[in-house]
Structure formats: C-alpha cells, structure tokens
Protein backbone atom coordinates (compact mmCIF):
# COMPACT_ATOMS: atom_id res chain seq x y z
CA MET A 1 98.30 -35.06 -77.04
CA PRO A 2 99.37 -38.72 -77.38
CA VAL A 3 100.69 -40.47 -74.28
CA VAL A 4 104.03 -41.10 -76.00
CA THR A 5 104.43 -37.33 -76.59
CA THR A 6 103.78 -36.56 -72.95
CA LEU A 7 106.25 -39.25 -71.92
CA THR A 8 108.88 -37.80 -74.24
CA GLU A 9 108.38 -34.31 -72.80
CA LEU A 10 108.66 -35.75 -69.28
CA GLY A 11 112.14 -37.04 -70.09
CA GLY A 12 111.42 -40.54 -71.40
CA VAL A 13 110.38 -42.06 -68.06
CA ALA A 14 107.42 -41.22 -65.85
CA THR A 15 105.19 -42.44 -63.07
CA PHE A 16 101.49 -43.14 -63.47
CA ARG A 17 100.76 -40.03 -61.41
CA GLU A 18 102.73 -37.85 -63.82
CA LEU A 19 100.96 -39.26 -66.88
CA ALA A 20 97.55 -39.13 -65.19
CA ARG A 21 97.80 -35.35 -64.92
CA VAL A 22 97.23 -35.26 -68.67
CA HIS A 23 95.75 -38.63 -69.66
CA THR A 24 93.02 -40.97 -68.46
CA ARG A 25 93.79 -44.44 -67.16
CA SER A 26 92.27 -45.97 -70.32
CA GLN A 27 94.48 -43.80 -72.57
CA ILE A 28 97.58 -44.92 -70.71
CA ARG A 29 96.50 -48.56 -70.84
CA ALA A 30 95.85 -48.26 -74.60
CA ALA A 31 99.33 -46.80 -75.19
CA VAL A 32 100.86 -49.75 -73.35
CA SER A 33 98.72 -52.24 -75.32
CA ALA A 34 99.81 -50.60 -78.58
CA ALA A 35 103.50 -50.94 -77.52
CA GLU A 36 103.92 -47.17 -77.75
CA VAL A 37 104.84 -47.11 -74.05
CA ASP A 38 106.47 -49.78 -71.87
CA LEU A 39 105.26 -50.61 -68.37
CA LEU A 40 108.54 -51.16 -66.47
CA ALA A 41 106.96 -51.88 -63.10
CA ARG A 42 103.78 -51.04 -61.27
CA GLY A 43 103.11 -47.36 -61.88
CA ARG A 44 106.36 -46.76 -63.82
CA TYR A 45 106.46 -46.19 -67.58
CA ALA A 46 109.16 -45.62 -70.19
CA LEU A 47 109.65 -45.23 -73.91
CA PRO A 48 110.32 -48.56 -75.68
CA ALA A 49 113.87 -47.37 -76.46
CA VAL A 50 114.87 -48.06 -72.84
CA ALA A 51 114.45 -51.81 -73.38
CA GLU A 52 115.85 -51.62 -76.90
CA HIS A 53 119.06 -49.99 -75.66
CA ARG A 54 119.45 -52.65 -72.98
CA ALA A 55 119.10 -55.31 -75.66
CA ALA A 56 121.68 -53.55 -77.86
CA ALA A 57 124.20 -53.54 -74.99
CA HIS A 58 123.63 -57.26 -74.48
CA ARG A 59 123.94 -57.96 -78.22
CA HIS A 60 127.27 -56.09 -78.48
CA THR A 61 128.62 -57.30 -75.11
CA ALA A 62 128.97 -53.69 -74.05
CA ALA A 63 127.66 -51.44 -71.29
CA GLN A 64 124.93 -48.87 -71.65
CA SER A 65 126.37 -45.44 -70.93
CA HIS A 66 125.58 -41.74 -71.11
CA VAL A 67 121.86 -41.04 -71.68
CA SER A 68 121.10 -44.73 -72.34
CA ALA A 69 122.43 -45.61 -68.90
CA ALA A 70 120.67 -42.59 -67.37
CA GLN A 71 117.32 -43.83 -68.66
CA ALA A 72 118.12 -47.37 -67.57
CA TYR A 73 118.44 -45.96 -64.04
CA GLY A 74 115.05 -44.29 -64.41
CA TRP A 75 116.42 -40.74 -64.65
CA LYS A 76 114.80 -38.15 -66.84
CA VAL A 77 116.78 -36.63 -69.73
CA LYS A 78 116.33 -33.61 -71.98
CA PHE A 79 115.80 -35.66 -75.14
CA PRO A 80 115.41 -39.46 -75.02
CA PRO A 81 118.22 -40.84 -77.22
CA GLY A 82 117.36 -42.23 -80.62
CA GLN A 83 120.43 -44.48 -80.84
CA PRO A 84 121.93 -46.44 -77.95
CA TRP A 85 124.99 -45.03 -76.19
CA LEU A 86 127.32 -47.94 -75.50
CA THR A 87 130.77 -48.09 -73.91
CA PHE A 88 133.14 -50.84 -75.05
CA PRO A 89 136.37 -52.03 -73.43
CA LEU A 90 139.52 -50.41 -74.77
CA GLY A 91 140.80 -52.08 -77.90
CA ARG A 92 137.46 -53.54 -78.99
CA GLN A 93 136.76 -53.15 -82.70
CA VAL A 94 133.16 -52.12 -83.43
CA GLN A 95 131.63 -52.11 -86.92
CA ALA A 96 128.07 -50.99 -86.05
CA THR A 97 126.95 -47.56 -87.28
CA ASP A 98 123.58 -47.43 -85.51
CA ILE A 99 125.02 -46.78 -82.03
CA HIS A 100 127.05 -44.10 -80.26
CA VAL A 101 130.37 -45.80 -79.46
CA ARG A 102 132.65 -44.92 -76.55
CA ARG A 103 135.68 -46.89 -75.37
CA ALA A 104 136.92 -47.01 -71.80
CA GLU A 105 137.89 -49.40 -69.05
CA LEU A 106 134.82 -51.00 -67.50
CA THR A 107 134.72 -52.30 -63.96
CA PRO A 108 133.62 -55.91 -63.33
CA GLN A 109 130.43 -54.52 -61.78
CA GLU A 110 129.68 -52.44 -64.89
CA ARG A 111 130.32 -55.41 -67.16
CA ALA A 112 127.99 -57.58 -65.10
CA ALA A 113 125.25 -54.93 -64.88
CA GLY A 114 125.52 -53.98 -68.55
CA ARG A 115 125.64 -50.27 -67.74
CA THR A 116 128.06 -47.75 -66.32
CA SER A 117 127.86 -46.84 -62.64
CA PRO A 118 125.59 -43.94 -61.60
CA LEU A 119 128.50 -41.58 -60.84
CA ARG A 120 130.31 -42.44 -64.05
CA THR A 121 127.11 -42.04 -66.05
CA VAL A 122 126.62 -38.50 -64.75
CA LEU A 123 130.25 -37.55 -65.44
CA ASP A 124 130.21 -39.13 -68.91
CA CYS A 125 127.13 -37.06 -69.79
CA ALA A 126 128.71 -33.96 -68.27
CA ARG A 127 131.82 -34.40 -70.39
CA ASP A 128 130.36 -35.50 -73.72
CA LEU A 129 126.90 -33.90 -74.04
CA PRO A 130 125.94 -30.23 -74.47
CA TYR A 131 125.89 -28.34 -71.17
CA ASP A 132 122.11 -28.24 -70.78
CA GLU A 133 121.71 -31.97 -71.51
CA GLY A 134 124.47 -32.86 -69.08
CA LEU A 135 122.94 -30.63 -66.40
CA ALA A 136 119.53 -32.27 -66.85
CA VAL A 137 121.06 -35.72 -66.25
CA ALA A 138 123.03 -34.52 -63.21
CA ASP A 139 119.96 -32.83 -61.70
CA SER A 140 117.90 -35.98 -62.24
CA ALA A 141 120.54 -38.22 -60.65
CA LEU A 142 120.72 -35.96 -57.58
CA ARG A 143 116.92 -35.76 -57.41
CA ALA A 144 116.76 -39.56 -57.40
CA GLY A 145 119.39 -39.77 -54.65
CA ALA A 146 121.56 -41.95 -56.93
CA VAL A 147 124.65 -39.75 -56.64
CA ASP A 148 126.07 -37.83 -53.70
CA PRO A 149 126.63 -34.16 -54.63
CA ASP A 150 129.88 -33.84 -52.67
CA ARG A 151 131.30 -36.97 -54.27
CA LEU A 152 130.19 -35.74 -57.68
CA ARG A 153 132.12 -32.49 -57.22
CA SER A 154 135.20 -34.13 -55.73
CA THR A 155 135.38 -36.77 -58.47
CA ALA A 156 134.88 -34.16 -61.20
CA ALA A 157 137.85 -32.25 -59.74
CA THR A 158 140.10 -35.26 -60.44
CA LEU A 159 139.12 -35.65 -64.10
CA ARG A 160 141.58 -35.06 -66.90
CA GLY A 161 141.18 -34.79 -70.66
CA PRO A 162 138.51 -33.47 -73.04
CA GLY A 163 135.34 -32.15 -71.45
CA THR A 164 136.90 -31.76 -68.01
CA ALA A 165 136.04 -28.07 -67.60
CA GLN A 166 132.38 -28.59 -68.49
CA ALA A 167 132.11 -31.65 -66.25
CA ARG A 168 133.40 -29.64 -63.30
CA ARG A 169 131.02 -26.83 -64.09
CA ILE A 170 128.03 -29.18 -64.25
CA ALA A 171 129.09 -30.88 -61.01
CA GLY A 172 129.05 -27.46 -59.34
CA ASP A 173 125.79 -26.31 -60.91
CA ALA A 174 123.80 -29.55 -60.45
CA ASP A 175 120.85 -29.25 -58.11
CA GLY A 176 118.41 -32.01 -57.24
CA ARG A 177 115.69 -29.49 -56.44
CA ALA A 178 115.00 -29.06 -60.17
CA ALA A 179 111.71 -30.86 -60.75
CA ASN A 180 112.38 -32.15 -64.28
CA PRO A 181 114.56 -31.66 -67.40
CA PHE A 182 112.30 -28.78 -68.52
CA GLU A 183 113.30 -26.80 -65.44
CA SER A 184 116.93 -27.96 -65.70
CA VAL A 185 117.24 -26.69 -69.27
CA LEU A 186 115.56 -23.39 -68.39
CA ARG A 187 118.02 -22.99 -65.50
CA ALA A 188 120.91 -23.84 -67.86
CA ILE A 189 119.85 -20.93 -70.05
CA ALA A 190 119.65 -18.60 -67.04
CA LEU A 191 123.07 -19.74 -65.81
CA GLU A 192 124.58 -18.35 -69.01
CA ILE A 193 123.52 -14.83 -67.93
CA PRO A 194 126.11 -13.57 -65.38
CA GLU A 195 123.82 -11.08 -63.63
CA LEU A 196 121.32 -13.74 -62.58
CA ALA A 197 121.37 -16.02 -59.53
CA MET A 198 118.32 -18.23 -60.03
CA ARG A 199 117.35 -20.61 -57.24
CA PRO A 200 115.31 -23.71 -58.25
CA GLN A 201 111.98 -24.44 -56.56
CA ALA A 202 112.27 -21.23 -54.55
CA LEU A 203 109.75 -20.55 -51.79
CA LEU A 204 108.78 -16.87 -51.76
CA THR A 205 107.31 -15.79 -48.44
CA ASP A 206 106.89 -12.03 -48.40
CA ASP A 207 104.36 -10.71 -45.90
CA GLY A 208 101.02 -11.89 -47.31
CA LEU A 209 102.63 -13.98 -50.06
CA PHE A 210 103.41 -17.70 -50.01
CA ALA A 211 104.41 -19.15 -53.40
CA GLN A 212 106.76 -21.85 -54.65
CA VAL A 213 108.15 -21.06 -58.09
CA ASP A 214 110.35 -22.92 -60.54
CA LEU A 215 113.23 -20.42 -60.53
CA ALA A 216 113.71 -17.14 -58.71
CA ASP A 217 116.31 -14.43 -58.28
CA GLU A 218 115.05 -12.84 -55.10
CA VAL A 219 117.40 -9.85 -55.32
CA LEU A 220 116.19 -8.89 -58.80
CA ARG A 221 112.69 -10.18 -57.95
CA LEU A 222 112.60 -12.16 -61.17
CA VAL A 223 110.66 -15.43 -61.48
CA LEU A 224 111.08 -17.87 -64.37
CA GLU A 225 108.35 -20.46 -64.79
CA ALA A 226 108.49 -23.63 -66.89
CA ASP A 227 104.86 -23.84 -67.93
CA SER A 228 103.91 -27.31 -69.11
CA TYR A 229 100.60 -28.69 -70.34
CA GLU A 230 101.18 -31.45 -67.80
CA HIS A 231 100.21 -29.01 -65.05
CA HIS A 232 97.75 -26.90 -67.03
CA GLY A 233 95.75 -29.73 -68.59
CA THR A 234 92.77 -28.79 -66.44
CA GLN A 235 90.86 -25.59 -65.84
CA ARG A 236 91.71 -25.88 -62.16
CA GLY A 237 95.47 -26.05 -62.81
CA PHE A 238 95.35 -23.19 -65.28
CA THR A 239 93.35 -20.98 -62.91
CA LYS A 240 95.58 -21.80 -59.94
CA ASP A 241 98.73 -20.73 -61.76
CA ARG A 242 97.18 -17.59 -63.23
CA ARG A 243 96.18 -16.50 -59.71
CA ARG A 244 99.69 -17.27 -58.45
CA TYR A 245 101.30 -15.20 -61.21
CA THR A 246 98.93 -12.33 -60.47
CA GLU A 247 99.82 -12.38 -56.78
CA LEU A 248 103.54 -12.50 -57.57
CA THR A 249 103.16 -9.47 -59.83
CA ALA A 250 101.12 -7.66 -57.17
CA PHE A 251 104.01 -8.20 -54.72
CA GLY A 252 106.57 -6.75 -57.10
CA TYR A 253 107.91 -9.89 -58.74
CA HIS A 254 108.37 -10.07 -62.50
CA VAL A 255 107.21 -13.39 -63.97
CA LEU A 256 108.53 -14.67 -67.29
CA SER A 257 106.72 -17.86 -68.30
CA PHE A 258 108.09 -20.22 -70.96
CA VAL A 259 106.61 -23.31 -72.62
CA TRP A 260 108.40 -26.61 -73.23
CA VAL A 261 108.82 -26.29 -77.00
CA ASP A 262 110.52 -22.90 -76.68
CA VAL A 263 112.89 -23.86 -73.87
CA MET A 264 113.90 -27.09 -75.59
CA HIS A 265 114.02 -25.89 -79.19
CA HIS A 266 114.46 -22.11 -79.04
CA PRO A 267 116.93 -21.48 -76.18
CA ALA A 268 118.42 -18.43 -77.92
CA TRP A 269 115.00 -16.77 -78.00
CA VAL A 270 114.36 -17.65 -74.35
CA ARG A 271 117.70 -16.15 -73.36
CA TRP A 272 116.95 -13.08 -75.48
CA CYS A 273 113.65 -12.55 -73.65
CA ILE A 274 115.36 -12.77 -70.25
CA GLU A 275 118.16 -10.45 -71.35
CA CYS A 276 115.64 -7.93 -72.74
CA TRP A 277 113.90 -7.83 -69.35
CA LEU A 278 117.26 -7.43 -67.62
CA ALA A 279 118.31 -4.65 -70.00
CA THR A 280 115.07 -2.79 -69.23
CA GLN A 281 115.75 -3.07 -65.49
CA LEU A 282 119.36 -1.94 -65.81
CA GLY A 283 118.67 0.83 -68.32
CA ARG A 284 120.90 -0.50 -71.06
CA PRO A 285 120.28 -1.32 -74.75
CA LYS A 286 118.39 -4.51 -75.51
CA PRO A 287 120.26 -7.28 -77.34
CA PRO A 288 119.41 -8.00 -80.98
CA ARG A 289 116.59 -10.45 -81.65
CA PRO A 290 117.90 -13.93 -82.61
CA ASP A 291 117.50 -15.09 -86.19
CA ARG A 292 115.38 -18.11 -85.25
CA VAL A 293 112.31 -17.35 -83.17
CA PRO A 294 109.24 -19.42 -82.26
CA SER A 295 106.28 -19.56 -84.62
CA ALA A 296 102.86 -21.21 -84.77
CA ARG A 297 104.41 -24.03 -86.83
CA ASP A 298 106.29 -25.19 -83.72
CA LEU A 299 102.96 -26.26 -82.22
CA ASP A 300 101.93 -28.46 -85.15
CA GLY A 301 101.53 -31.98 -83.88
CA ALA A 302 102.22 -30.95 -80.27
C-alpha cells in the first residue's frame, strides 16, 4: 500500500507513529521526496492538498473553511477534499469554478489567519456536509482539544437557517473518544439505528475480561470494530486482535468487524449487517439486502 493511500485513509493528516505502523522510515522519506506527502513539521505529515488549499485562500483573498480549514488545523476528515473550501465576505463576486464557494461575514481574526475559527469550522461542516462527514470533523476537533463540547452544543443551539437541525444533532453526538474518522463514520451508521446505544472506545471489564473496543452497546453485548490494515499490518497485530475477538465471544459479546473500504463506501451494507444481527436477536424479519454490496473489485488498488 502506498504511503499516500495510508495517509488518505487516516484522514489526510498523520503523525510519523501512525504511518510507521504500516510503512518503513525509508518508504515515508521516499514519499516526501517524491512530493506525494508533505512534511508539515517534525513527525507530522499531510497530503499536498493542505498547502494547496492554503495557497488558494491567499490567491483569492478568502478564508479556508469547512474541511479545508479542518485539515489546516491538523484534524482528520472522512475524505480529504479535492477542491478547496473557501469562505468569502458577503457581496464578493467570485468567478472561479475549481473551488467550493461560501459567503459569510468573516471576523478580523479569520481574515488575518486565512481560515475560519475552530468552532465555526466545526459548525460549518455540521451544517453543510453529510452527517457522517460532519461528525468525523466534530469528533476530530474535540479529540484535538480545539473546541469545547459544551460551547459547541450551546452555540449550535443558537443557529438559524439551513442545516440547523443537523448541526445541533452533530453537536450532541460528537465525541472526542473516537480514535479516527473510520470509527466516527462507523458510529454515524450505528447512530441511525434507534435500538443501539454504542459507546466509543469502551472498556469492557467483565470478571476475567479486560478489553478496549472501538464501539460497544453493553446492554445488547454488541461490539463493532473498525478493522484497519494500519493496526493489522503485522502478524503480531493480527494475532492480538484475533485473540481479543475470541475472548469477547467467549464472554458472550457479539463482534461485528468492518474494514475501511466498506464503512466509507458501502454504509448501507454495513447498516444492513448490523440490522440483520439485531433482527436475529429480537426475533423479527431481517431487512432486505441493499442493491449495492461490497465485492472483490473494491479491493483493487487498495
């Protein structure tokens, strides 16, 4: 797997430690030398688009916003944006077609910094992006300590206009315990199922069992795991998780394990799998299989 692919799956930004779980030091250095990956600071890497979007904001005398601003802050996102997201002052005429354009009042601090404030960035994403993408940004901002959760909820409550309901929902659902966008998107899928109450990074401590899992509903004894190659790139990592899943099953937990490509690109199938398990537990009919399901072709080039 190329370094740039791993970096994309990690949300567009990553530390050396995160990349080194999959790649050697020489592979990472080669990716930087080839300009496939940017070295932002010691031990911190990003896709080249992060710098390109900053340059676009400067060129247009605008502020990076939404996912462009999120990545400028070093937060991880579901999908690194292809085109820059830029916010222009009200009344500005913009002819460019290669950017996402938003218009709003910008504070003097935002104009000077060339990006929207952390709180505004989270709320902009919560209002304008799909629910799972907005949740991934909000989780990442909380995980980084860039936004206070109480202030996020209170400010969302004052919003008006399009996207307000979703922004308030995301503000309430956001949780900095989510380890990465992969887990955030998996939790977003689970949050659409009313019967579930999944807790991120749950510590399960039954007598004789001690396991931290990505998501758990301890009442239903259901565990959802976001299984990435990042953690299973070695025999040791693979063996460790297989043993953990076996112990969880032995203690009466049901483990559903999903890979990155399915969570990110086949959310309907992931939800269907969870709902099928739930239907079996509750003794009700299983939902119909979705039209689009994963296939071996999804792994080509992965």
